[in-house]
Amino acid sequence: MIFNTWAYYLFFLVPSAILFRLSPLRFRPWVIVAGGSAFFLYFSYTELGGIIPAACLGIFLWESITSRFYRPKSWFCWAGVTQAIVLLFIFKYWNFFAGLVWLRAPEQHYWAHAFLPLGISFFTFEFIHYATDRYKHRTEAGNVGEYLAFILFFPTMVAGPIKRY
């Protein structure tokens, strides 16, 4: 478990909490973004074994860019929900469904070296939650730093609970 290691406390939780408290209000979201990015990269690299799982941080960046287009009653909110579900399907369920479809095929259609990004179900549901809340006008847009801080808040990134924006 990631959250009971010395690395988590010494390198991420304590330094991030201190930096957050010492930072002016306008920089606090960026402290969370920096801490969350470092947390995701470190534990993806060390626990999942490589740079490719760590590179999935690009999913967070992509989501933060596309979320700028979410407006109340906009079709783009549903495009965001769709892209989140597609990402979840590709990373988490591709091998399962490929095994069902090509059960006895001589040529296997699966990822031999598939990896699962750290907390993919969790952050996918947060992406969906934000898009539907923007569609229903239950939340304000916020800026890129605030949104990235929301999705990269590492103490809840892989353990939950799913938080409201």
Protein backbone atom coordinates (compact mmCIF):
# COMPACT_ATOMS: atom_id res chain seq x y z
CA MET A 1 0.00 0.00 0.00
CA ILE A 2 1.43 3.33 -1.07
CA PHE A 3 -0.06 5.33 1.79
CA ASN A 4 1.81 3.55 4.58
CA THR A 5 5.33 3.88 3.22
CA TRP A 6 8.04 6.17 4.54
CA ALA A 7 8.52 7.59 1.04
CA TYR A 8 4.92 8.78 0.99
CA TYR A 9 5.24 10.64 4.30
CA LEU A 10 8.80 11.94 3.98
CA PHE A 11 8.85 12.90 0.31
CA PHE A 12 5.25 13.86 -0.41
CA LEU A 13 2.80 14.40 2.45
CA VAL A 14 4.92 16.38 4.92
CA PRO A 15 6.80 18.56 2.37
CA SER A 16 3.61 19.28 0.42
CA ALA A 17 1.70 20.24 3.57
CA ILE A 18 4.51 22.58 4.69
CA LEU A 19 4.85 24.18 1.25
CA PHE A 20 1.09 24.58 1.00
CA ARG A 21 0.91 26.39 4.35
CA LEU A 22 3.88 28.64 3.55
CA SER A 23 2.67 29.58 0.05
CA PRO A 24 0.51 32.60 -0.75
CA LEU A 25 -3.10 31.72 -1.64
CA ARG A 26 -2.63 32.19 -5.38
CA PHE A 27 0.23 29.61 -5.48
CA ARG A 28 -1.46 26.94 -3.34
CA PRO A 29 -3.18 25.15 -6.24
CA TRP A 30 0.20 24.91 -8.00
CA VAL A 31 1.81 23.42 -4.87
CA ILE A 32 -0.86 20.71 -4.99
CA VAL A 33 -0.26 20.22 -8.73
CA ALA A 34 3.51 19.89 -8.22
CA GLY A 35 3.11 17.51 -5.27
CA GLY A 36 0.48 15.44 -7.06
CA SER A 37 2.53 15.21 -10.24
CA ALA A 38 5.64 14.17 -8.33
CA PHE A 39 3.62 11.61 -6.35
CA PHE A 40 2.08 10.12 -9.49
CA LEU A 41 5.37 10.00 -11.38
CA TYR A 42 7.36 8.54 -8.47
CA PHE A 43 4.91 5.81 -7.50
CA SER A 44 4.00 4.95 -11.10
CA TYR A 45 7.67 4.56 -11.90
CA THR A 46 8.66 2.65 -8.76
CA GLU A 47 5.52 0.56 -8.15
CA LEU A 48 4.38 -0.10 -11.71
CA GLY A 49 7.86 -0.43 -13.11
CA GLY A 50 8.64 2.06 -15.77
CA ILE A 51 8.37 5.38 -17.41
CA ILE A 52 5.35 4.47 -19.58
CA PRO A 53 2.92 4.24 -16.63
CA ALA A 54 4.40 7.49 -15.30
CA ALA A 55 3.84 9.12 -18.68
CA CYS A 56 0.11 8.67 -18.13
CA LEU A 57 0.31 12.00 -16.36
CA GLY A 58 -0.45 13.23 -19.86
CA ILE A 59 -4.02 12.01 -19.35
CA PHE A 60 -4.39 14.57 -16.56
CA LEU A 61 -3.00 17.31 -18.75
CA TRP A 62 -5.27 16.36 -21.64
CA GLU A 63 -8.31 16.34 -19.35
CA SER A 64 -7.41 19.76 -17.93
CA ILE A 65 -7.23 21.16 -21.47
CA THR A 66 -10.52 19.65 -22.64
CA SER A 67 -12.31 20.61 -19.42
CA ARG A 68 -11.84 24.27 -20.37
CA PHE A 69 -14.60 23.75 -22.98
CA TYR A 70 -17.19 22.40 -20.53
CA ARG A 71 -20.14 24.79 -20.35
CA PRO A 72 -23.61 24.32 -18.88
CA LYS A 73 -25.81 22.30 -21.28
CA SER A 74 -22.90 21.88 -23.73
CA TRP A 75 -22.47 18.75 -25.83
CA PHE A 76 -18.77 19.02 -25.07
CA CYS A 77 -19.45 17.85 -21.50
CA TRP A 78 -20.76 14.58 -22.94
CA ALA A 79 -17.71 14.37 -25.19
CA GLY A 80 -15.62 14.63 -22.01
CA VAL A 81 -17.60 11.83 -20.36
CA THR A 82 -17.14 9.70 -23.48
CA GLN A 83 -13.39 10.28 -23.62
CA ALA A 84 -13.07 9.35 -19.94
CA ILE A 85 -14.98 6.09 -20.49
CA VAL A 86 -12.91 5.29 -23.59
CA LEU A 87 -9.67 5.80 -21.63
CA LEU A 88 -10.94 3.56 -18.83
CA PHE A 89 -11.95 0.90 -21.35
CA ILE A 90 -8.62 0.98 -23.17
CA PHE A 91 -6.44 0.76 -20.09
CA LYS A 92 -8.53 -1.42 -17.82
CA TYR A 93 -10.81 -3.61 -19.91
CA TRP A 94 -9.16 -4.06 -23.33
CA ASN A 95 -7.55 -7.42 -22.55
CA PHE A 96 -10.75 -8.73 -20.97
CA PHE A 97 -12.95 -7.92 -23.98
CA ALA A 98 -10.26 -8.92 -26.48
CA GLY A 99 -10.15 -12.33 -24.78
CA LEU A 100 -13.93 -12.70 -25.13
CA VAL A 101 -14.06 -11.70 -28.79
CA TRP A 102 -10.99 -13.60 -29.98
CA LEU A 103 -11.22 -16.49 -27.55
CA ARG A 104 -9.89 -19.18 -29.86
CA ALA A 105 -8.30 -17.10 -32.57
CA PRO A 106 -4.80 -18.19 -33.58
CA GLU A 107 -3.69 -14.57 -33.55
CA GLN A 108 -4.17 -12.92 -30.16
CA HIS A 109 -5.40 -9.30 -30.10
CA TYR A 110 -4.30 -8.21 -26.67
CA TRP A 111 -1.61 -6.08 -25.08
CA ALA A 112 1.12 -8.47 -24.02
CA HIS A 113 2.75 -5.84 -21.85
CA ALA A 114 -0.34 -3.91 -20.76
CA PHE A 115 -0.11 -1.63 -17.78
CA LEU A 116 -2.72 -0.04 -15.61
CA PRO A 117 -2.17 3.63 -14.74
CA LEU A 118 -2.19 4.33 -11.02
CA GLY A 119 -5.77 5.07 -9.90
CA ILE A 120 -7.33 5.07 -13.38
CA SER A 121 -10.85 4.20 -12.18
CA PHE A 122 -10.68 6.86 -9.50
CA PHE A 123 -9.60 9.73 -11.70
CA THR A 124 -11.91 8.61 -14.53
CA PHE A 125 -14.90 8.94 -12.20
CA GLU A 126 -13.67 12.35 -11.10
CA PHE A 127 -13.45 13.45 -14.76
CA ILE A 128 -17.01 12.22 -15.32
CA HIS A 129 -18.22 13.87 -12.12
CA TYR A 130 -16.78 17.24 -13.11
CA ALA A 131 -18.15 17.08 -16.68
CA THR A 132 -21.66 16.22 -15.51
CA ASP A 133 -21.59 18.89 -12.81
CA ARG A 134 -20.54 21.48 -15.39
CA TYR A 135 -23.29 20.27 -17.73
CA LYS A 136 -25.90 20.66 -14.95
CA HIS A 137 -24.35 23.99 -13.88
CA ARG A 138 -23.69 22.69 -10.36
CA THR A 139 -20.16 24.03 -10.28
CA GLU A 140 -18.14 26.92 -11.65
CA ALA A 141 -15.34 26.35 -14.12
CA GLY A 142 -12.35 27.56 -12.13
CA ASN A 143 -8.97 28.05 -13.75
CA VAL A 144 -6.53 25.42 -15.03
CA GLY A 145 -4.48 25.45 -11.82
CA GLU A 146 -7.52 24.88 -9.64
CA TYR A 147 -8.77 22.06 -11.84
CA LEU A 148 -5.38 20.35 -11.97
CA ALA A 149 -5.15 20.70 -8.17
CA PHE A 150 -8.55 19.03 -7.92
CA ILE A 151 -7.57 15.99 -9.98
CA LEU A 152 -3.96 15.75 -8.72
CA PHE A 153 -4.64 16.06 -4.98
CA PHE A 154 -2.52 13.04 -4.14
CA PRO A 155 -3.79 12.07 -0.67
CA THR A 156 -7.06 11.05 -2.33
CA MET A 157 -5.75 10.18 -5.81
CA VAL A 158 -5.83 6.42 -5.51
CA ALA A 159 -7.60 5.85 -2.20
CA GLY A 160 -10.71 8.00 -2.47
CA PRO A 161 -13.19 9.24 -1.73
CA ILE A 162 -14.35 10.84 -4.95
CA LYS A 163 -14.54 14.51 -4.09
CA ARG A 164 -16.71 17.30 -5.41
CA TYR A 165 -15.04 20.12 -7.31
